[in-house]
Amino acid sequence: MPSFATTDLPKPKSWEEFENIVADAIKLVWGDNLATRNGRLGQKQEGIDIYGKPIFLKGGYAGVQCKDSQISIKDIEEMINLAEKFKPALKDFIIATSSSHDSKIQEEVRLIDEKRTASGKFGIRILFWEDICLKLAESDDLMVKHFPQFVIRHSSLENIKKRIMESEPNDWNVSGDLKIYTYKKDAQLFIKAEPFEQSHEFQGEWLKNFPDQHGTTDHYLVFYGNSEIDKLWAVSVDGGRCTIPYPHSINNSITSYQYKLGKIINDLIYSRMMPFGFDSYLRRAGIFVIEEEESNS
């Protein structure tokens, strides 16, 4: 089975799509998550589409020019001339092209780079489509974002659970009253609360540990794209101040996966209403957390 790095990923269908891919890849190259696009369509850009501060420049600026087509030596010379006008002056310059490797172009770029750096000017490098794909292959999140059809394994329940388990509540955004929790690193992964109208009364001995002993069911659906991957059954307790996943009817336990979903839901929505933390509510209810494997034994 081919890896991400060796798979022939399809080239972008538009310049905008290509720039989006390059922008994400260049953040990995530079180690700069704050790298950004230069202006907007129609504005003067001085030949720079993306700029940032790579770690290796220790505060200096670098720029990227994207070219979603074949590239020539003349194109490169024109790009360099435009990049010279960027302010503040660049310390490094990258040309990113959707064309495939070309040994003659690579050699010419090396010679230009050597000549420029020897005279104290910014260096120049070129990234072809294969180079960009190799960089994307270092990040599962970026592969899912730009080429989800090549990352089928992420749509499986096992791997969705793994990504949820490895996340923290602050890795998610919540859309207010809609109760939709979106994973910041991959917007295709989200958790959505079912409408309140579908709730009904829940009864359980552990509810007697709260001043308000009534509970109502809450259902949360886990989606990846348009596909429903999983469902969390939970109970809204203590007058709606906390949502607790259904505990096992015999040993009053929840799995570590249920616990993680509960943390995400409660920390983002109910934290202001909870007089106690989610963990405190579990203790008061006498509910404990066990590993997934234990719950199936």
C-alpha atoms as a PDB file:
ATOM      1  CA  MET A   1       0.000   0.000   0.000  1.00  0.00           C
ATOM      2  CA  PRO A   2       1.536   3.376  -1.004  1.00  0.00           C
ATOM      3  CA  SER A   3       2.260   5.903   1.705  1.00  0.00           C
ATOM      4  CA  PHE A   4       1.148   9.535   1.601  1.00  0.00           C
ATOM      5  CA  ALA A   5       4.648  10.451   0.469  1.00  0.00           C
ATOM      6  CA  THR A   6       4.650   8.141  -2.546  1.00  0.00           C
ATOM      7  CA  THR A   7       1.013   8.471  -3.561  1.00  0.00           C
ATOM      8  CA  ASP A   8       0.434  10.535  -6.702  1.00  0.00           C
ATOM      9  CA  LEU A   9      -1.806  13.176  -5.140  1.00  0.00           C
ATOM     10  CA  PRO A  10      -4.004  15.072  -7.609  1.00  0.00           C
ATOM     11  CA  LYS A  11      -2.884  18.575  -8.439  1.00  0.00           C
ATOM     12  CA  PRO A  12      -5.182  21.455  -7.384  1.00  0.00           C
ATOM     13  CA  LYS A  13      -7.996  22.465  -9.704  1.00  0.00           C
ATOM     14  CA  SER A  14      -7.599  26.181  -8.985  1.00  0.00           C
ATOM     15  CA  TRP A  15      -4.943  28.702  -8.004  1.00  0.00           C
ATOM     16  CA  GLU A  16      -6.770  29.429  -4.739  1.00  0.00           C
ATOM     17  CA  GLU A  17      -6.765  25.747  -3.788  1.00  0.00           C
ATOM     18  CA  PHE A  18      -3.060  25.543  -4.594  1.00  0.00           C
ATOM     19  CA  GLU A  19      -2.278  28.585  -2.441  1.00  0.00           C
ATOM     20  CA  ASN A  20      -4.251  27.093   0.463  1.00  0.00           C
ATOM     21  CA  ILE A  21      -2.204  23.892   0.268  1.00  0.00           C
ATOM     22  CA  VAL A  22       1.084  25.781   0.001  1.00  0.00           C
ATOM     23  CA  ALA A  23       0.167  28.030   2.959  1.00  0.00           C
ATOM     24  CA  ASP A  24      -0.371  24.992   5.192  1.00  0.00           C
ATOM     25  CA  ALA A  25       2.738  23.200   3.940  1.00  0.00           C
ATOM     26  CA  ILE A  26       4.943  26.264   4.381  1.00  0.00           C
ATOM     27  CA  LYS A  27       3.924  26.584   8.021  1.00  0.00           C
ATOM     28  CA  LEU A  28       5.497  23.163   8.533  1.00  0.00           C
ATOM     29  CA  VAL A  29       8.600  24.100   6.540  1.00  0.00           C
ATOM     30  CA  TRP A  30       9.094  27.280   8.562  1.00  0.00           C
ATOM     31  CA  GLY A  31       7.797  26.090  11.922  1.00  0.00           C
ATOM     32  CA  ASP A  32       5.690  29.259  11.953  1.00  0.00           C
ATOM     33  CA  ASN A  33       1.957  28.763  12.555  1.00  0.00           C
ATOM     34  CA  LEU A  34       1.455  32.520  12.169  1.00  0.00           C
ATOM     35  CA  ALA A  35       2.647  32.592   8.550  1.00  0.00           C
ATOM     36  CA  THR A  36      -0.037  34.393   6.579  1.00  0.00           C
ATOM     37  CA  ARG A  37      -1.159  35.422   3.128  1.00  0.00           C
ATOM     38  CA  ASN A  38      -0.099  38.780   1.827  1.00  0.00           C
ATOM     39  CA  GLY A  39      -3.125  41.030   1.275  1.00  0.00           C
ATOM     40  CA  ARG A  40      -6.078  39.929  -0.816  1.00  0.00           C
ATOM     41  CA  LEU A  41      -6.884  39.361  -4.459  1.00  0.00           C
ATOM     42  CA  GLY A  42      -6.376  42.550  -6.469  1.00  0.00           C
ATOM     43  CA  GLN A  43      -4.005  44.221  -4.021  1.00  0.00           C
ATOM     44  CA  LYS A  44      -0.365  44.941  -4.777  1.00  0.00           C
ATOM     45  CA  GLN A  45       1.706  42.130  -3.246  1.00  0.00           C
ATOM     46  CA  GLU A  46       5.282  42.805  -4.389  1.00  0.00           C
ATOM     47  CA  GLY A  47       5.484  39.259  -5.710  1.00  0.00           C
ATOM     48  CA  ILE A  48       4.809  37.648  -2.315  1.00  0.00           C
ATOM     49  CA  ASP A  49       1.726  35.492  -1.691  1.00  0.00           C
ATOM     50  CA  ILE A  50       2.689  34.186   1.783  1.00  0.00           C
ATOM     51  CA  TYR A  51       5.100  35.574   4.355  1.00  0.00           C
ATOM     52  CA  GLY A  52       6.242  34.697   7.842  1.00  0.00           C
ATOM     53  CA  LYS A  53       9.180  34.325  10.222  1.00  0.00           C
ATOM     54  CA  PRO A  54      10.850  30.924   9.881  1.00  0.00           C
ATOM     55  CA  ILE A  55      12.518  29.571  13.000  1.00  0.00           C
ATOM     56  CA  PHE A  56      15.858  29.258  11.228  1.00  0.00           C
ATOM     57  CA  LEU A  57      15.923  33.009  10.412  1.00  0.00           C
ATOM     58  CA  LYS A  58      15.586  33.982  14.088  1.00  0.00           C
ATOM     59  CA  GLY A  59      13.179  36.856  13.492  1.00  0.00           C
ATOM     60  CA  GLY A  60      13.808  37.611   9.811  1.00  0.00           C
ATOM     61  CA  TYR A  61      11.042  37.520   7.214  1.00  0.00           C
ATOM     62  CA  ALA A  62      10.708  34.999   4.398  1.00  0.00           C
ATOM     63  CA  GLY A  63       8.303  35.043   1.490  1.00  0.00           C
ATOM     64  CA  VAL A  64       6.662  32.597  -0.895  1.00  0.00           C
ATOM     65  CA  GLN A  65       5.462  33.135  -4.452  1.00  0.00           C
ATOM     66  CA  CYS A  66       2.957  30.546  -5.692  1.00  0.00           C
ATOM     67  CA  LYS A  67       2.781  29.582  -9.348  1.00  0.00           C
ATOM     68  CA  ASP A  68       0.073  27.099 -10.289  1.00  0.00           C
ATOM     69  CA  SER A  69       1.575  26.255 -13.685  1.00  0.00           C
ATOM     70  CA  GLN A  70       4.783  25.346 -15.463  1.00  0.00           C
ATOM     71  CA  ILE A  71       7.696  27.588 -14.584  1.00  0.00           C
ATOM     72  CA  SER A  72      10.620  28.951 -16.591  1.00  0.00           C
ATOM     73  CA  ILE A  73      13.926  30.667 -15.781  1.00  0.00           C
ATOM     74  CA  LYS A  74      12.400  33.924 -17.005  1.00  0.00           C
ATOM     75  CA  ASP A  75       9.499  33.477 -14.555  1.00  0.00           C
ATOM     76  CA  ILE A  76      11.965  32.935 -11.714  1.00  0.00           C
ATOM     77  CA  GLU A  77      13.957  36.067 -12.562  1.00  0.00           C
ATOM     78  CA  GLU A  78      10.774  38.152 -12.677  1.00  0.00           C
ATOM     79  CA  MET A  79       9.626  36.748  -9.316  1.00  0.00           C
ATOM     80  CA  ILE A  80      12.953  37.585  -7.705  1.00  0.00           C
ATOM     81  CA  ASN A  81      12.818  41.148  -9.012  1.00  0.00           C
ATOM     82  CA  LEU A  82       9.351  41.621  -7.538  1.00  0.00           C
ATOM     83  CA  ALA A  83      10.323  40.025  -4.214  1.00  0.00           C
ATOM     84  CA  GLU A  84      13.190  42.522  -3.904  1.00  0.00           C
ATOM     85  CA  LYS A  85      10.557  45.240  -3.394  1.00  0.00           C
ATOM     86  CA  PHE A  86       8.901  43.555  -0.406  1.00  0.00           C
ATOM     87  CA  LYS A  87       9.203  45.466   2.890  1.00  0.00           C
ATOM     88  CA  PRO A  88      10.859  44.776   5.218  1.00  0.00           C
ATOM     89  CA  ALA A  89      13.529  43.119   3.105  1.00  0.00           C
ATOM     90  CA  LEU A  90      13.294  39.336   2.890  1.00  0.00           C
ATOM     91  CA  LYS A  91      15.946  37.010   4.282  1.00  0.00           C
ATOM     92  CA  ASP A  92      14.765  34.004   2.279  1.00  0.00           C
ATOM     93  CA  PHE A  93      12.520  33.438  -0.752  1.00  0.00           C
ATOM     94  CA  ILE A  94      10.670  30.317  -1.893  1.00  0.00           C
ATOM     95  CA  ILE A  95       8.958  29.691  -5.192  1.00  0.00           C
ATOM     96  CA  ALA A  96       6.209  27.062  -4.881  1.00  0.00           C
ATOM     97  CA  THR A  97       5.000  25.545  -8.142  1.00  0.00           C
ATOM     98  CA  SER A  98       2.425  22.904  -8.973  1.00  0.00           C
ATOM     99  CA  SER A  99       4.645  21.632 -11.780  1.00  0.00           C
ATOM    100  CA  SER A 100       6.741  18.486 -11.416  1.00  0.00           C
ATOM    101  CA  HIS A 101      10.466  18.250 -10.717  1.00  0.00           C
ATOM    102  CA  ASP A 102      12.697  19.711 -13.429  1.00  0.00           C
ATOM    103  CA  SER A 103      16.435  19.108 -13.039  1.00  0.00           C
ATOM    104  CA  LYS A 104      17.409  22.054 -15.249  1.00  0.00           C
ATOM    105  CA  ILE A 105      15.251  24.469 -13.253  1.00  0.00           C
ATOM    106  CA  GLN A 106      16.595  23.025  -9.993  1.00  0.00           C
ATOM    107  CA  GLU A 107      20.184  23.505 -11.141  1.00  0.00           C
ATOM    108  CA  GLU A 108      19.534  27.084 -12.244  1.00  0.00           C
ATOM    109  CA  VAL A 109      17.882  27.921  -8.912  1.00  0.00           C
ATOM    110  CA  ARG A 110      20.888  26.508  -7.025  1.00  0.00           C
ATOM    111  CA  LEU A 111      23.263  28.675  -9.062  1.00  0.00           C
ATOM    112  CA  ILE A 112      21.137  31.785  -8.554  1.00  0.00           C
ATOM    113  CA  ASP A 113      20.897  31.059  -4.823  1.00  0.00           C
ATOM    114  CA  GLU A 114      24.665  30.631  -4.475  1.00  0.00           C
ATOM    115  CA  LYS A 115      25.370  33.870  -6.341  1.00  0.00           C
ATOM    116  CA  ARG A 116      22.815  35.874  -4.341  1.00  0.00           C
ATOM    117  CA  THR A 117      23.822  34.645  -0.888  1.00  0.00           C
ATOM    118  CA  ALA A 118      27.492  35.279  -1.682  1.00  0.00           C
ATOM    119  CA  SER A 119      26.620  38.920  -2.340  1.00  0.00           C
ATOM    120  CA  GLY A 120      24.519  39.254   0.853  1.00  0.00           C
ATOM    121  CA  LYS A 121      21.102  39.043  -0.813  1.00  0.00           C
ATOM    122  CA  PHE A 122      18.238  36.765   0.190  1.00  0.00           C
ATOM    123  CA  GLY A 123      18.528  33.134  -0.844  1.00  0.00           C
ATOM    124  CA  ILE A 124      16.110  31.385  -3.151  1.00  0.00           C
ATOM    125  CA  ARG A 125      14.701  27.884  -3.180  1.00  0.00           C
ATOM    126  CA  ILE A 126      12.029  26.157  -5.203  1.00  0.00           C
ATOM    127  CA  LEU A 127       9.386  23.649  -4.107  1.00  0.00           C
ATOM    128  CA  PHE A 128       7.797  21.495  -6.791  1.00  0.00           C
ATOM    129  CA  TRP A 129       4.497  19.660  -6.376  1.00  0.00           C
ATOM    130  CA  GLU A 130       6.276  16.489  -5.186  1.00  0.00           C
ATOM    131  CA  ASP A 131       8.100  18.485  -2.480  1.00  0.00           C
ATOM    132  CA  ILE A 132       4.855  20.036  -1.281  1.00  0.00           C
ATOM    133  CA  CYS A 133       3.183  16.601  -1.122  1.00  0.00           C
ATOM    134  CA  LEU A 134       6.066  15.205   0.911  1.00  0.00           C
ATOM    135  CA  LYS A 135       5.649  18.011   3.426  1.00  0.00           C
ATOM    136  CA  LEU A 136       1.891  17.513   3.685  1.00  0.00           C
ATOM    137  CA  ALA A 137       2.513  13.814   4.303  1.00  0.00           C
ATOM    138  CA  GLU A 138       4.136  14.741   7.628  1.00  0.00           C
ATOM    139  CA  SER A 139       0.755  15.858   8.981  1.00  0.00           C
ATOM    140  CA  ASP A 140      -2.284  13.583   9.166  1.00  0.00           C
ATOM    141  CA  ASP A 141      -4.451  16.616   9.889  1.00  0.00           C
ATOM    142  CA  LEU A 142      -3.358  18.397   6.706  1.00  0.00           C
ATOM    143  CA  MET A 143      -3.801  15.253   4.635  1.00  0.00           C
ATOM    144  CA  VAL A 144      -7.342  14.894   5.953  1.00  0.00           C
ATOM    145  CA  LYS A 145      -8.004  18.584   5.324  1.00  0.00           C
ATOM    146  CA  HIS A 146      -6.817  18.685   1.708  1.00  0.00           C
ATOM    147  CA  PHE A 147      -6.988  15.058   0.534  1.00  0.00           C
ATOM    148  CA  PRO A 148      -9.541  13.214   2.691  1.00  0.00           C
ATOM    149  CA  GLN A 149     -10.094  10.642  -0.077  1.00  0.00           C
ATOM    150  CA  PHE A 150      -6.525   9.431   0.500  1.00  0.00           C
ATOM    151  CA  VAL A 151      -6.962   9.108   4.271  1.00  0.00           C
ATOM    152  CA  ILE A 152      -9.848   6.697   4.482  1.00  0.00           C
ATOM    153  CA  ARG A 153      -8.572   5.327   7.788  1.00  0.00           C
ATOM    154  CA  HIS A 154      -9.541   8.555   9.514  1.00  0.00           C
ATOM    155  CA  SER A 155     -13.205   7.950   8.780  1.00  0.00           C
ATOM    156  CA  SER A 156     -13.226   4.707  10.777  1.00  0.00           C
ATOM    157  CA  LEU A 157     -14.680   4.741  14.266  1.00  0.00           C
ATOM    158  CA  GLU A 158     -11.440   3.473  15.759  1.00  0.00           C
ATOM    159  CA  ASN A 159      -9.387   6.342  14.371  1.00  0.00           C
ATOM    160  CA  ILE A 160     -12.017   9.002  15.066  1.00  0.00           C
ATOM    161  CA  LYS A 161     -12.033   7.824  18.674  1.00  0.00           C
ATOM    162  CA  LYS A 162      -8.244   8.015  18.743  1.00  0.00           C
ATOM    163  CA  ARG A 163      -8.256  11.626  17.541  1.00  0.00           C
ATOM    164  CA  ILE A 164     -10.911  12.565  20.098  1.00  0.00           C
ATOM    165  CA  MET A 165      -9.000  10.835  22.886  1.00  0.00           C
ATOM    166  CA  GLU A 166      -5.801  12.697  21.979  1.00  0.00           C
ATOM    167  CA  SER A 167      -7.561  16.077  21.971  1.00  0.00           C
ATOM    168  CA  GLU A 168      -8.239  18.502  24.803  1.00  0.00           C
ATOM    169  CA  PRO A 169     -11.381  20.631  25.297  1.00  0.00           C
ATOM    170  CA  ASN A 170      -9.556  23.746  24.077  1.00  0.00           C
ATOM    171  CA  ASP A 171      -8.916  21.945  20.760  1.00  0.00           C
ATOM    172  CA  TRP A 172     -12.621  22.395  20.009  1.00  0.00           C
ATOM    173  CA  ASN A 173     -14.866  25.335  19.153  1.00  0.00           C
ATOM    174  CA  VAL A 174     -18.515  25.435  20.160  1.00  0.00           C
ATOM    175  CA  SER A 175     -21.218  27.337  18.294  1.00  0.00           C
ATOM    176  CA  GLY A 176     -23.243  28.660  21.222  1.00  0.00           C
ATOM    177  CA  ASP A 177     -26.839  27.497  21.608  1.00  0.00           C
ATOM    178  CA  LEU A 178     -26.543  25.167  18.619  1.00  0.00           C
ATOM    179  CA  LYS A 179     -24.260  22.918  20.650  1.00  0.00           C
ATOM    180  CA  ILE A 180     -22.024  21.981  17.741  1.00  0.00           C
ATOM    181  CA  TYR A 181     -18.448  21.228  18.800  1.00  0.00           C
ATOM    182  CA  THR A 182     -15.962  21.470  15.924  1.00  0.00           C
ATOM    183  CA  TYR A 183     -12.426  20.102  16.088  1.00  0.00           C
ATOM    184  CA  LYS A 184     -10.116  23.029  15.326  1.00  0.00           C
ATOM    185  CA  LYS A 185      -7.531  20.882  13.542  1.00  0.00           C
ATOM    186  CA  ASP A 186     -10.076  19.319  11.186  1.00  0.00           C
ATOM    187  CA  ALA A 187     -13.472  20.967  10.703  1.00  0.00           C
ATOM    188  CA  GLN A 188     -14.886  17.753   9.225  1.00  0.00           C
ATOM    189  CA  LEU A 189     -14.839  16.236  12.709  1.00  0.00           C
ATOM    190  CA  PHE A 190     -17.573  17.615  14.930  1.00  0.00           C
ATOM    191  CA  ILE A 191     -19.973  16.661  17.720  1.00  0.00           C
ATOM    192  CA  LYS A 192     -23.585  17.787  17.468  1.00  0.00           C
ATOM    193  CA  ALA A 193     -26.292  17.713  20.127  1.00  0.00           C
ATOM    194  CA  GLU A 194     -29.639  16.328  19.078  1.00  0.00           C
ATOM    195  CA  PRO A 195     -32.653  18.667  19.503  1.00  0.00           C
ATOM    196  CA  PHE A 196     -33.936  19.116  23.051  1.00  0.00           C
ATOM    197  CA  GLU A 197     -37.372  17.905  21.902  1.00  0.00           C
ATOM    198  CA  GLN A 198     -35.961  14.388  21.656  1.00  0.00           C
ATOM    199  CA  SER A 199     -35.067  14.309  25.355  1.00  0.00           C
ATOM    200  CA  HIS A 200     -37.044  12.352  27.918  1.00  0.00           C
ATOM    201  CA  GLU A 201     -36.893  11.734  31.649  1.00  0.00           C
ATOM    202  CA  PHE A 202     -34.080   9.540  32.943  1.00  0.00           C
ATOM    203  CA  GLN A 203     -34.150   7.608  36.193  1.00  0.00           C
ATOM    204  CA  GLY A 204     -31.161   6.228  38.050  1.00  0.00           C
ATOM    205  CA  GLU A 205     -30.165   5.616  41.642  1.00  0.00           C
ATOM    206  CA  TRP A 206     -27.062   7.792  41.264  1.00  0.00           C
ATOM    207  CA  LEU A 207     -29.241  10.858  40.540  1.00  0.00           C
ATOM    208  CA  LYS A 208     -30.244  10.833  44.211  1.00  0.00           C
ATOM    209  CA  ASN A 209     -26.801  12.235  45.023  1.00  0.00           C
ATOM    210  CA  PHE A 210     -27.817  15.641  43.644  1.00  0.00           C
ATOM    211  CA  PRO A 211     -30.118  18.266  45.181  1.00  0.00           C
ATOM    212  CA  ASP A 212     -32.195  18.177  41.984  1.00  0.00           C
ATOM    213  CA  GLN A 213     -32.770  14.464  41.466  1.00  0.00           C
ATOM    214  CA  HIS A 214     -34.365  14.750  38.023  1.00  0.00           C
ATOM    215  CA  GLY A 215     -32.439  13.839  34.892  1.00  0.00           C
ATOM    216  CA  THR A 216     -33.198  14.187  31.198  1.00  0.00           C
ATOM    217  CA  THR A 217     -31.532  12.386  28.336  1.00  0.00           C
ATOM    218  CA  ASP A 218     -29.029  14.132  26.071  1.00  0.00           C
ATOM    219  CA  HIS A 219     -27.822  12.664  22.796  1.00  0.00           C
ATOM    220  CA  TYR A 220     -24.666  13.769  21.013  1.00  0.00           C
ATOM    221  CA  LEU A 221     -23.788  12.612  17.502  1.00  0.00           C
ATOM    222  CA  VAL A 222     -20.178  12.367  16.331  1.00  0.00           C
ATOM    223  CA  PHE A 223     -19.785  13.257  12.653  1.00  0.00           C
ATOM    224  CA  TYR A 224     -16.956  13.107  10.186  1.00  0.00           C
ATOM    225  CA  GLY A 225     -18.042  15.131   7.175  1.00  0.00           C
ATOM    226  CA  ASN A 226     -21.588  14.045   6.341  1.00  0.00           C
ATOM    227  CA  SER A 227     -21.183  10.649   7.982  1.00  0.00           C
ATOM    228  CA  GLU A 228     -22.487   9.905  11.470  1.00  0.00           C
ATOM    229  CA  ILE A 229     -19.671   7.987  13.147  1.00  0.00           C
ATOM    230  CA  ASP A 230     -20.878   7.477  16.705  1.00  0.00           C
ATOM    231  CA  LYS A 231     -23.462   8.503  19.296  1.00  0.00           C
ATOM    232  CA  LEU A 232     -23.032   9.463  22.937  1.00  0.00           C
ATOM    233  CA  TRP A 233     -25.943   8.794  25.283  1.00  0.00           C
ATOM    234  CA  ALA A 234     -25.834  11.150  28.233  1.00  0.00           C
ATOM    235  CA  VAL A 235     -27.931  12.605  31.036  1.00  0.00           C
ATOM    236  CA  SER A 236     -28.450  16.258  31.877  1.00  0.00           C
ATOM    237  CA  VAL A 237     -28.324  16.479  35.685  1.00  0.00           C
ATOM    238  CA  ASP A 238     -28.635  18.958  38.550  1.00  0.00           C
ATOM    239  CA  GLY A 239     -31.039  21.269  36.767  1.00  0.00           C
ATOM    240  CA  GLY A 240     -29.051  21.191  33.508  1.00  0.00           C
ATOM    241  CA  ARG A 241     -25.745  22.198  35.108  1.00  0.00           C
ATOM    242  CA  CYS A 242     -23.845  19.162  33.865  1.00  0.00           C
ATOM    243  CA  THR A 243     -24.110  16.427  31.239  1.00  0.00           C
ATOM    244  CA  ILE A 244     -22.931  12.962  32.304  1.00  0.00           C
ATOM    245  CA  PRO A 245     -22.527  10.026  29.875  1.00  0.00           C
ATOM    246  CA  TYR A 246     -24.722   7.013  30.617  1.00  0.00           C
ATOM    247  CA  PRO A 247     -22.905   4.902  33.223  1.00  0.00           C
ATOM    248  CA  HIS A 248     -22.861   1.124  33.069  1.00  0.00           C
ATOM    249  CA  SER A 249     -26.023  -0.178  34.750  1.00  0.00           C
ATOM    250  CA  ILE A 250     -24.143  -2.779  36.816  1.00  0.00           C
ATOM    251  CA  ASN A 251     -20.891  -1.180  37.967  1.00  0.00           C
ATOM    252  CA  ASN A 252     -21.809   2.504  37.507  1.00  0.00           C
ATOM    253  CA  SER A 253     -18.781   3.181  35.306  1.00  0.00           C
ATOM    254  CA  ILE A 254     -18.082   5.051  32.083  1.00  0.00           C
ATOM    255  CA  THR A 255     -15.275   4.400  29.615  1.00  0.00           C
ATOM    256  CA  SER A 256     -12.334   6.740  29.119  1.00  0.00           C
ATOM    257  CA  TYR A 257     -13.790   7.594  25.705  1.00  0.00           C
ATOM    258  CA  GLN A 258     -17.141   8.576  27.249  1.00  0.00           C
ATOM    259  CA  TYR A 259     -15.220  10.598  29.812  1.00  0.00           C
ATOM    260  CA  LYS A 260     -13.314  12.510  27.123  1.00  0.00           C
ATOM    261  CA  LEU A 261     -16.518  13.386  25.278  1.00  0.00           C
ATOM    262  CA  GLY A 262     -18.044  14.478  28.573  1.00  0.00           C
ATOM    263  CA  LYS A 263     -15.060  16.732  29.291  1.00  0.00           C
ATOM    264  CA  ILE A 264     -15.323  18.371  25.877  1.00  0.00           C
ATOM    265  CA  ILE A 265     -19.060  18.981  26.211  1.00  0.00           C
ATOM    266  CA  ASN A 266     -19.002  20.202  29.800  1.00  0.00           C
ATOM    267  CA  ASP A 267     -15.853  22.319  29.682  1.00  0.00           C
ATOM    268  CA  LEU A 268     -17.050  24.245  26.632  1.00  0.00           C
ATOM    269  CA  ILE A 269     -20.758  24.678  27.413  1.00  0.00           C
ATOM    270  CA  TYR A 270     -21.482  24.067  31.074  1.00  0.00           C
ATOM    271  CA  SER A 271     -18.343  25.355  32.801  1.00  0.00           C
ATOM    272  CA  ARG A 272     -19.961  28.669  33.747  1.00  0.00           C
ATOM    273  CA  MET A 273     -23.061  26.965  35.118  1.00  0.00           C
ATOM    274  CA  MET A 274     -21.327  24.214  37.056  1.00  0.00           C
ATOM    275  CA  PRO A 275     -20.701  25.059  40.701  1.00  0.00           C
ATOM    276  CA  PHE A 276     -18.301  22.096  40.605  1.00  0.00           C
ATOM    277  CA  GLY A 277     -16.154  20.650  37.856  1.00  0.00           C
ATOM    278  CA  PHE A 278     -17.114  17.689  35.660  1.00  0.00           C
ATOM    279  CA  ASP A 279     -14.878  15.395  37.706  1.00  0.00           C
ATOM    280  CA  SER A 280     -16.571  16.548  40.887  1.00  0.00           C
ATOM    281  CA  TYR A 281     -19.978  15.694  39.436  1.00  0.00           C
ATOM    282  CA  LEU A 282     -18.768  12.207  38.574  1.00  0.00           C
ATOM    283  CA  ARG A 283     -17.507  11.702  42.127  1.00  0.00           C
ATOM    284  CA  ARG A 284     -20.776  12.905  43.611  1.00  0.00           C
ATOM    285  CA  ALA A 285     -22.658  10.500  41.353  1.00  0.00           C
ATOM    286  CA  GLY A 286     -20.355   7.641  42.365  1.00  0.00           C
ATOM    287  CA  ILE A 287     -19.350   7.145  38.740  1.00  0.00           C
ATOM    288  CA  PHE A 288     -15.790   6.056  37.953  1.00  0.00           C
ATOM    289  CA  VAL A 289     -13.837   5.827  34.718  1.00  0.00           C
ATOM    290  CA  ILE A 290     -12.416   2.600  33.273  1.00  0.00           C
ATOM    291  CA  GLU A 291     -10.459   1.826  30.106  1.00  0.00           C
ATOM    292  CA  GLU A 292     -12.407   0.827  27.004  1.00  0.00           C
ATOM    293  CA  GLU A 293     -11.147  -2.746  27.110  1.00  0.00           C
ATOM    294  CA  GLU A 294     -12.339  -3.210  30.697  1.00  0.00           C
ATOM    295  CA  SER A 295     -15.863  -2.142  29.818  1.00  0.00           C
ATOM    296  CA  ASN A 296     -16.112  -4.916  27.216  1.00  0.00           C
ATOM    297  CA  SER A 297     -14.975  -7.711  29.529  1.00  0.00           C
END
